[in-house]
Amino acid sequence: EMESGSGPNSRRGGTERSSRRSTVVPTTRSAGDEMESGMDCSEPTPRVNFDIMQRYVGRKVRLVCKVEEWSGDSLKASTCDGQTVFIKPKQGSQYDTAFVEIEGVVENNTTVQEDSYTPFGDSFDMKNYNQLCVLSNGPVKEIFL
């Protein structure tokens, strides 16, 4: 019985293997694998208002908006800087709060294709959020990374 503790299946061997494995995982992640978890901070998704969204056509953004009305298969919403945008929801998405954060790709200057969303409740300070968007995309953006 004593010999089994020193063989290839002993705790020491297992621990060495798992520590080796954990050093490989971060390298794999930074090699460009897509990660849904949001742990890769090399290129964070920018938080945008309508004005800043214009810089990101074809790219992924985070946009908090106020749900206004459904118009066919898209949602009409207002941004924190008082403009109108249209959200193309992912199938099955139901925005059941007044404010939602949409994570998705900017299709054109007024439309975002949703990848995911987060309900932000029925009371949200859009003026404050607009300031966050301006600061996090401006001259002091490094402090938000």
N, C-alpha and C. Protein backbone atom coordinates (compact mmCIF):
# COMPACT_ATOMS: atom_id res chain seq x y z
N GLU A 1 0.82 -1.21 0.00
CA GLU A 1 0.00 0.00 0.00
C GLU A 1 0.85 1.26 0.00
N MET A 2 2.00 1.25 0.68
CA MET A 2 2.87 2.41 0.73
C MET A 2 3.37 2.78 -0.67
N GLU A 3 3.64 1.77 -1.51
CA GLU A 3 4.20 2.03 -2.83
C GLU A 3 3.24 2.82 -3.72
N SER A 4 1.93 2.63 -3.55
CA SER A 4 0.97 3.32 -4.43
C SER A 4 1.05 4.84 -4.24
N GLY A 5 1.48 5.31 -3.09
CA GLY A 5 1.59 6.75 -2.85
C GLY A 5 2.74 7.40 -3.60
N SER A 6 3.69 6.62 -4.07
CA SER A 6 4.83 7.22 -4.76
C SER A 6 4.77 6.99 -6.27
N GLY A 7 3.73 6.37 -6.76
CA GLY A 7 3.61 6.07 -8.19
C GLY A 7 3.14 7.28 -8.99
N PRO A 8 2.85 7.08 -10.29
CA PRO A 8 2.48 8.18 -11.17
C PRO A 8 1.13 8.83 -10.80
N ASN A 9 0.29 8.15 -10.04
CA ASN A 9 -1.00 8.71 -9.66
C ASN A 9 -0.98 9.35 -8.28
N SER A 10 0.17 9.56 -7.71
CA SER A 10 0.25 10.16 -6.39
C SER A 10 -0.17 11.62 -6.46
N ARG A 11 -0.47 12.18 -5.32
CA ARG A 11 -0.90 13.59 -5.26
C ARG A 11 0.16 14.53 -5.83
N ARG A 12 1.40 14.28 -5.49
CA ARG A 12 2.46 15.17 -5.96
C ARG A 12 2.46 15.21 -7.49
N GLY A 13 2.41 14.07 -8.15
CA GLY A 13 2.39 14.03 -9.61
C GLY A 13 1.18 14.77 -10.17
N GLY A 14 0.02 14.58 -9.56
CA GLY A 14 -1.20 15.24 -10.01
C GLY A 14 -1.12 16.75 -9.84
N THR A 15 -0.54 17.18 -8.73
CA THR A 15 -0.42 18.61 -8.47
C THR A 15 0.51 19.26 -9.49
N GLU A 16 1.62 18.59 -9.78
CA GLU A 16 2.55 19.14 -10.77
C GLU A 16 1.88 19.26 -12.13
N ARG A 17 1.13 18.25 -12.49
CA ARG A 17 0.46 18.29 -13.78
C ARG A 17 -0.56 19.43 -13.84
N SER A 18 -1.37 19.59 -12.79
CA SER A 18 -2.41 20.63 -12.84
C SER A 18 -1.79 22.03 -12.81
N SER A 19 -0.66 22.21 -12.12
CA SER A 19 -0.04 23.53 -12.14
C SER A 19 0.55 23.82 -13.51
N ARG A 20 1.09 22.81 -14.16
CA ARG A 20 1.58 23.00 -15.53
C ARG A 20 0.42 23.39 -16.44
N ARG A 21 -0.69 22.70 -16.29
CA ARG A 21 -1.85 22.96 -17.13
C ARG A 21 -2.35 24.38 -16.93
N SER A 22 -2.38 24.88 -15.69
CA SER A 22 -2.90 26.22 -15.45
C SER A 22 -2.00 27.30 -16.05
N THR A 23 -0.72 27.03 -16.23
CA THR A 23 0.14 28.04 -16.86
C THR A 23 -0.09 28.09 -18.36
N VAL A 24 -0.59 27.03 -18.94
CA VAL A 24 -0.85 27.00 -20.38
C VAL A 24 -2.15 27.73 -20.71
N VAL A 25 -3.15 27.65 -19.84
CA VAL A 25 -4.47 28.22 -20.13
C VAL A 25 -4.44 29.72 -20.44
N PRO A 26 -3.78 30.58 -19.62
CA PRO A 26 -3.76 32.01 -19.96
C PRO A 26 -3.12 32.28 -21.32
N THR A 27 -2.08 31.53 -21.67
CA THR A 27 -1.43 31.71 -22.97
C THR A 27 -2.43 31.42 -24.08
N THR A 28 -3.20 30.36 -23.93
CA THR A 28 -4.20 30.00 -24.92
C THR A 28 -5.24 31.11 -25.04
N ARG A 29 -5.69 31.66 -23.93
CA ARG A 29 -6.71 32.71 -23.96
C ARG A 29 -6.22 33.95 -24.70
N SER A 30 -4.99 34.35 -24.45
CA SER A 30 -4.50 35.57 -25.09
C SER A 30 -4.14 35.35 -26.55
N ALA A 31 -4.17 34.11 -27.00
CA ALA A 31 -3.83 33.81 -28.39
C ALA A 31 -4.97 34.16 -29.34
N GLY A 32 -6.08 34.71 -28.83
CA GLY A 32 -7.15 35.17 -29.69
C GLY A 32 -8.39 34.30 -29.67
N ASP A 33 -8.45 33.31 -28.80
CA ASP A 33 -9.67 32.51 -28.70
C ASP A 33 -10.80 33.42 -28.25
N GLU A 34 -11.98 33.23 -28.84
CA GLU A 34 -13.12 34.04 -28.41
C GLU A 34 -13.55 33.58 -27.03
N MET A 35 -13.86 34.56 -26.19
CA MET A 35 -14.29 34.24 -24.84
C MET A 35 -15.56 34.98 -24.53
N GLU A 36 -16.62 34.26 -24.27
CA GLU A 36 -17.91 34.86 -23.93
C GLU A 36 -17.89 35.43 -22.52
N SER A 37 -16.99 34.94 -21.67
CA SER A 37 -17.02 35.34 -20.26
C SER A 37 -16.56 36.77 -20.03
N GLY A 38 -15.93 37.40 -21.01
CA GLY A 38 -15.48 38.77 -20.83
C GLY A 38 -14.20 38.90 -20.03
N MET A 39 -13.47 37.81 -19.83
CA MET A 39 -12.24 37.86 -19.04
C MET A 39 -11.06 38.43 -19.82
N ASP A 40 -11.11 38.42 -21.13
CA ASP A 40 -10.02 38.95 -21.94
C ASP A 40 -10.15 40.46 -21.99
N CYS A 41 -9.26 41.18 -21.32
CA CYS A 41 -9.35 42.64 -21.23
C CYS A 41 -8.42 43.33 -22.22
N SER A 42 -7.84 42.58 -23.16
CA SER A 42 -6.91 43.20 -24.10
C SER A 42 -7.60 44.24 -24.97
N GLU A 43 -8.88 44.03 -25.26
CA GLU A 43 -9.63 45.03 -26.02
C GLU A 43 -11.04 45.10 -25.44
N PRO A 44 -11.22 45.87 -24.36
CA PRO A 44 -12.53 45.91 -23.70
C PRO A 44 -13.60 46.51 -24.61
N THR A 45 -14.83 46.05 -24.43
CA THR A 45 -15.95 46.56 -25.21
C THR A 45 -16.28 47.96 -24.73
N PRO A 46 -16.23 48.96 -25.62
CA PRO A 46 -16.46 50.34 -25.18
C PRO A 46 -17.92 50.60 -24.80
N ARG A 47 -18.13 51.40 -23.76
CA ARG A 47 -19.46 51.88 -23.39
C ARG A 47 -19.70 53.15 -24.18
N VAL A 48 -20.82 53.19 -24.89
CA VAL A 48 -21.04 54.30 -25.81
C VAL A 48 -22.39 54.97 -25.61
N ASN A 49 -22.43 56.26 -25.99
CA ASN A 49 -23.70 56.96 -26.19
C ASN A 49 -23.90 57.02 -27.70
N PHE A 50 -24.91 57.72 -28.17
CA PHE A 50 -25.18 57.78 -29.61
C PHE A 50 -24.02 58.40 -30.37
N ASP A 51 -23.51 59.51 -29.87
CA ASP A 51 -22.43 60.23 -30.54
C ASP A 51 -21.19 59.36 -30.69
N ILE A 52 -20.78 58.71 -29.61
CA ILE A 52 -19.58 57.88 -29.61
C ILE A 52 -19.79 56.60 -30.43
N MET A 53 -21.02 56.10 -30.46
CA MET A 53 -21.36 54.90 -31.23
C MET A 53 -20.98 55.05 -32.70
N GLN A 54 -21.00 56.27 -33.21
CA GLN A 54 -20.71 56.52 -34.63
C GLN A 54 -19.28 56.09 -35.00
N ARG A 55 -18.38 56.09 -34.03
CA ARG A 55 -16.98 55.70 -34.28
C ARG A 55 -16.81 54.19 -34.38
N TYR A 56 -17.84 53.44 -34.00
CA TYR A 56 -17.69 52.00 -33.86
C TYR A 56 -18.56 51.18 -34.81
N VAL A 57 -18.92 51.72 -35.97
CA VAL A 57 -19.70 50.94 -36.93
C VAL A 57 -18.91 49.69 -37.31
N GLY A 58 -19.58 48.54 -37.22
CA GLY A 58 -18.93 47.26 -37.52
C GLY A 58 -18.23 46.63 -36.33
N ARG A 59 -18.28 47.29 -35.17
CA ARG A 59 -17.60 46.77 -33.98
C ARG A 59 -18.58 46.58 -32.83
N LYS A 60 -18.13 45.81 -31.84
CA LYS A 60 -18.98 45.52 -30.66
C LYS A 60 -18.91 46.67 -29.66
N VAL A 61 -20.07 47.02 -29.10
CA VAL A 61 -20.16 48.08 -28.08
C VAL A 61 -21.13 47.65 -26.97
N ARG A 62 -21.14 48.45 -25.90
CA ARG A 62 -22.16 48.35 -24.84
C ARG A 62 -22.92 49.66 -24.86
N LEU A 63 -24.23 49.56 -24.96
CA LEU A 63 -25.08 50.74 -25.07
C LEU A 63 -26.25 50.61 -24.10
N VAL A 64 -26.34 51.51 -23.12
CA VAL A 64 -27.51 51.53 -22.24
C VAL A 64 -28.55 52.41 -22.90
N CYS A 65 -29.77 51.90 -22.99
CA CYS A 65 -30.83 52.69 -23.62
C CYS A 65 -32.15 52.50 -22.89
N LYS A 66 -33.05 53.44 -23.14
CA LYS A 66 -34.40 53.39 -22.57
C LYS A 66 -35.33 52.81 -23.63
N VAL A 67 -36.02 51.75 -23.26
CA VAL A 67 -36.95 51.08 -24.16
C VAL A 67 -38.11 52.03 -24.47
N GLU A 68 -38.34 52.30 -25.75
CA GLU A 68 -39.45 53.18 -26.15
C GLU A 68 -40.61 52.37 -26.71
N GLU A 69 -40.41 51.74 -27.89
CA GLU A 69 -41.49 50.95 -28.49
C GLU A 69 -40.94 49.96 -29.50
N TRP A 70 -41.71 48.89 -29.70
CA TRP A 70 -41.35 47.92 -30.72
C TRP A 70 -41.83 48.43 -32.06
N SER A 71 -41.01 48.26 -33.06
CA SER A 71 -41.34 48.68 -34.41
C SER A 71 -40.98 47.52 -35.34
N GLY A 72 -41.96 46.67 -35.64
CA GLY A 72 -41.69 45.46 -36.41
C GLY A 72 -40.83 44.52 -35.60
N ASP A 73 -39.69 44.11 -36.16
CA ASP A 73 -38.80 43.19 -35.44
C ASP A 73 -37.65 43.91 -34.76
N SER A 74 -37.74 45.25 -34.66
CA SER A 74 -36.69 45.98 -33.95
C SER A 74 -37.30 46.85 -32.86
N LEU A 75 -36.45 47.27 -31.95
CA LEU A 75 -36.87 48.07 -30.82
C LEU A 75 -36.39 49.50 -31.01
N LYS A 76 -37.29 50.43 -30.84
CA LYS A 76 -36.91 51.85 -30.86
C LYS A 76 -36.56 52.21 -29.41
N ALA A 77 -35.41 52.85 -29.24
CA ALA A 77 -34.96 53.18 -27.89
C ALA A 77 -34.25 54.53 -27.91
N SER A 78 -34.12 55.12 -26.71
CA SER A 78 -33.39 56.39 -26.63
C SER A 78 -32.10 56.18 -25.85
N THR A 79 -31.06 56.89 -26.28
CA THR A 79 -29.73 56.77 -25.68
C THR A 79 -29.57 57.79 -24.56
N CYS A 80 -28.47 57.66 -23.81
CA CYS A 80 -28.23 58.56 -22.69
C CYS A 80 -27.93 59.99 -23.12
N ASP A 81 -27.62 60.20 -24.41
CA ASP A 81 -27.44 61.57 -24.91
C ASP A 81 -28.65 62.03 -25.74
N GLY A 82 -29.81 61.38 -25.50
CA GLY A 82 -31.08 61.87 -26.02
C GLY A 82 -31.38 61.58 -27.48
N GLN A 83 -30.68 60.63 -28.09
CA GLN A 83 -30.92 60.29 -29.49
C GLN A 83 -31.72 58.99 -29.61
N THR A 84 -32.23 58.74 -30.80
CA THR A 84 -33.00 57.52 -31.06
C THR A 84 -32.13 56.49 -31.76
N VAL A 85 -32.21 55.26 -31.26
CA VAL A 85 -31.52 54.14 -31.90
C VAL A 85 -32.50 52.99 -32.08
N PHE A 86 -32.12 52.07 -32.93
CA PHE A 86 -32.91 50.87 -33.15
C PHE A 86 -32.07 49.66 -32.78
N ILE A 87 -32.67 48.76 -32.01
CA ILE A 87 -31.99 47.55 -31.57
C ILE A 87 -32.62 46.38 -32.29
N LYS A 88 -31.78 45.56 -32.90
CA LYS A 88 -32.26 44.31 -33.49
C LYS A 88 -31.98 43.22 -32.46
N PRO A 89 -33.03 42.80 -31.74
CA PRO A 89 -32.78 41.84 -30.66
C PRO A 89 -32.44 40.44 -31.17
N LYS A 90 -31.68 39.73 -30.35
CA LYS A 90 -31.40 38.33 -30.61
C LYS A 90 -32.72 37.59 -30.38
N GLN A 91 -32.96 36.52 -31.11
CA GLN A 91 -34.21 35.79 -30.95
C GLN A 91 -34.40 35.34 -29.50
N GLY A 92 -35.58 35.62 -28.98
CA GLY A 92 -35.91 35.22 -27.61
C GLY A 92 -35.64 36.29 -26.57
N SER A 93 -34.98 37.38 -26.94
CA SER A 93 -34.71 38.45 -25.97
C SER A 93 -36.01 39.18 -25.64
N GLN A 94 -36.20 39.41 -24.35
CA GLN A 94 -37.37 40.16 -23.90
C GLN A 94 -36.90 41.23 -22.94
N TYR A 95 -37.05 42.46 -23.36
CA TYR A 95 -36.62 43.57 -22.52
C TYR A 95 -37.79 43.94 -21.64
N ASP A 96 -37.76 43.49 -20.39
CA ASP A 96 -38.91 43.71 -19.50
C ASP A 96 -38.64 44.77 -18.44
N THR A 97 -37.60 45.58 -18.63
CA THR A 97 -37.36 46.73 -17.76
C THR A 97 -37.26 47.97 -18.65
N ALA A 98 -37.41 49.14 -18.06
CA ALA A 98 -37.37 50.39 -18.82
C ALA A 98 -35.99 50.65 -19.43
N PHE A 99 -34.93 50.23 -18.70
CA PHE A 99 -33.57 50.47 -19.17
C PHE A 99 -32.85 49.14 -19.35
N VAL A 100 -32.13 49.01 -20.47
CA VAL A 100 -31.36 47.80 -20.74
C VAL A 100 -29.99 48.18 -21.29
N GLU A 101 -29.02 47.34 -20.99
CA GLU A 101 -27.71 47.50 -21.61
C GLU A 101 -27.63 46.45 -22.72
N ILE A 102 -27.38 46.94 -23.92
CA ILE A 102 -27.25 46.07 -25.08
C ILE A 102 -25.77 45.90 -25.38
N GLU A 103 -25.34 44.67 -25.51
CA GLU A 103 -23.99 44.41 -26.01
C GLU A 103 -24.19 43.84 -27.40
N GLY A 104 -23.62 44.53 -28.39
CA GLY A 104 -23.82 44.07 -29.75
C GLY A 104 -22.98 44.85 -30.74
N VAL A 105 -23.19 44.54 -32.00
CA VAL A 105 -22.41 45.15 -33.08
C VAL A 105 -23.19 46.30 -33.70
N VAL A 106 -22.52 47.43 -33.87
CA VAL A 106 -23.12 48.60 -34.50
C VAL A 106 -23.20 48.32 -36.01
N GLU A 107 -24.43 48.22 -36.52
CA GLU A 107 -24.61 47.93 -37.96
C GLU A 107 -24.48 49.18 -38.81
N ASN A 108 -25.07 50.26 -38.35
CA ASN A 108 -24.96 51.55 -39.04
C ASN A 108 -25.13 52.64 -37.99
N ASN A 109 -25.26 53.90 -38.40
CA ASN A 109 -25.24 54.98 -37.41
C ASN A 109 -26.46 55.03 -36.48
N THR A 110 -27.48 54.20 -36.72
CA THR A 110 -28.64 54.20 -35.81
C THR A 110 -29.04 52.81 -35.33
N THR A 111 -28.34 51.75 -35.73
CA THR A 111 -28.79 50.39 -35.44
C THR A 111 -27.71 49.53 -34.79
N VAL A 112 -28.12 48.80 -33.74
CA VAL A 112 -27.22 47.85 -33.07
C VAL A 112 -27.87 46.47 -33.11
N GLN A 113 -27.10 45.47 -33.55
CA GLN A 113 -27.54 44.07 -33.54
C GLN A 113 -27.12 43.46 -32.21
N GLU A 114 -28.09 43.11 -31.37
CA GLU A 114 -27.80 42.60 -30.03
C GLU A 114 -27.16 41.22 -30.06
N ASP A 115 -26.10 41.06 -29.25
CA ASP A 115 -25.51 39.76 -28.97
C ASP A 115 -26.02 39.27 -27.62
N SER A 116 -26.13 40.21 -26.67
CA SER A 116 -26.65 39.89 -25.34
C SER A 116 -27.17 41.19 -24.72
N TYR A 117 -27.94 41.03 -23.65
CA TYR A 117 -28.44 42.23 -22.96
C TYR A 117 -28.50 41.99 -21.47
N THR A 118 -28.53 43.09 -20.72
CA THR A 118 -28.64 43.05 -19.27
C THR A 118 -29.73 44.02 -18.86
N PRO A 119 -30.74 43.55 -18.12
CA PRO A 119 -31.76 44.49 -17.63
C PRO A 119 -31.15 45.45 -16.62
N PHE A 120 -31.44 46.74 -16.75
CA PHE A 120 -30.90 47.75 -15.84
C PHE A 120 -31.99 48.37 -14.97
N GLY A 121 -33.14 47.76 -14.89
CA GLY A 121 -34.20 48.23 -14.00
C GLY A 121 -35.05 49.32 -14.60
N ASP A 122 -35.90 49.90 -13.76
CA ASP A 122 -36.85 50.91 -14.22
C ASP A 122 -36.45 52.33 -13.84
N SER A 123 -35.33 52.46 -13.12
CA SER A 123 -34.86 53.78 -12.73
C SER A 123 -33.35 53.80 -12.94
N PHE A 124 -32.88 54.68 -13.82
CA PHE A 124 -31.45 54.72 -14.14
C PHE A 124 -31.07 56.14 -14.50
N ASP A 125 -29.94 56.61 -13.99
CA ASP A 125 -29.50 57.98 -14.23
C ASP A 125 -28.74 58.08 -15.56
N MET A 126 -29.47 58.40 -16.62
CA MET A 126 -28.88 58.46 -17.96
C MET A 126 -27.88 59.61 -18.10
N LYS A 127 -28.10 60.70 -17.39
CA LYS A 127 -27.19 61.84 -17.47
C LYS A 127 -25.81 61.44 -16.92
N ASN A 128 -25.82 60.74 -15.78
CA ASN A 128 -24.57 60.24 -15.19
C ASN A 128 -23.88 59.26 -16.14
N TYR A 129 -24.67 58.35 -16.72
CA TYR A 129 -24.11 57.36 -17.61
C TYR A 129 -23.50 58.02 -18.85
N ASN A 130 -24.13 59.08 -19.33
CA ASN A 130 -23.58 59.81 -20.48
C ASN A 130 -22.19 60.34 -20.14
N GLN A 131 -22.02 60.86 -18.92
CA GLN A 131 -20.71 61.36 -18.50
C GLN A 131 -19.68 60.23 -18.46
N LEU A 132 -20.11 59.05 -17.99
CA LEU A 132 -19.21 57.88 -17.98
C LEU A 132 -18.76 57.56 -19.41
N CYS A 133 -19.69 57.56 -20.36
CA CYS A 133 -19.35 57.29 -21.76
C CYS A 133 -18.33 58.29 -22.29
N VAL A 134 -18.56 59.57 -22.01
CA VAL A 134 -17.67 60.62 -22.49
C VAL A 134 -16.28 60.45 -21.88
N LEU A 135 -16.21 60.24 -20.56
CA LEU A 135 -14.91 60.10 -19.89
C LEU A 135 -14.18 58.83 -20.32
N SER A 136 -14.92 57.71 -20.44
CA SER A 136 -14.26 56.43 -20.74
C SER A 136 -13.85 56.32 -22.20
N ASN A 137 -14.24 57.28 -23.04
CA ASN A 137 -13.82 57.29 -24.44
C ASN A 137 -12.98 58.51 -24.78
N GLY A 138 -12.63 59.30 -23.76
CA GLY A 138 -11.93 60.55 -23.98
C GLY A 138 -10.48 60.50 -23.54
N PRO A 139 -9.94 61.67 -23.19
CA PRO A 139 -8.51 61.78 -22.86
C PRO A 139 -8.09 60.99 -21.63
N VAL A 140 -9.02 60.63 -20.74
CA VAL A 140 -8.64 59.87 -19.54
C VAL A 140 -9.11 58.41 -19.62
N LYS A 141 -9.31 57.90 -20.82
CA LYS A 141 -9.87 56.56 -20.98
C LYS A 141 -9.01 55.44 -20.36
N GLU A 142 -7.69 55.69 -20.21
CA GLU A 142 -6.80 54.66 -19.64
C GLU A 142 -7.25 54.25 -18.23
N ILE A 143 -7.83 55.15 -17.47
CA ILE A 143 -8.20 54.80 -16.09
C ILE A 143 -9.41 53.86 -16.06
N PHE A 144 -10.08 53.68 -17.18
CA PHE A 144 -11.25 52.80 -17.22
C PHE A 144 -10.94 51.40 -17.70
N LEU A 145 -9.67 51.11 -18.03
CA LEU A 145 -9.32 49.78 -18.52
C LEU A 145 -9.02 48.82 -17.41
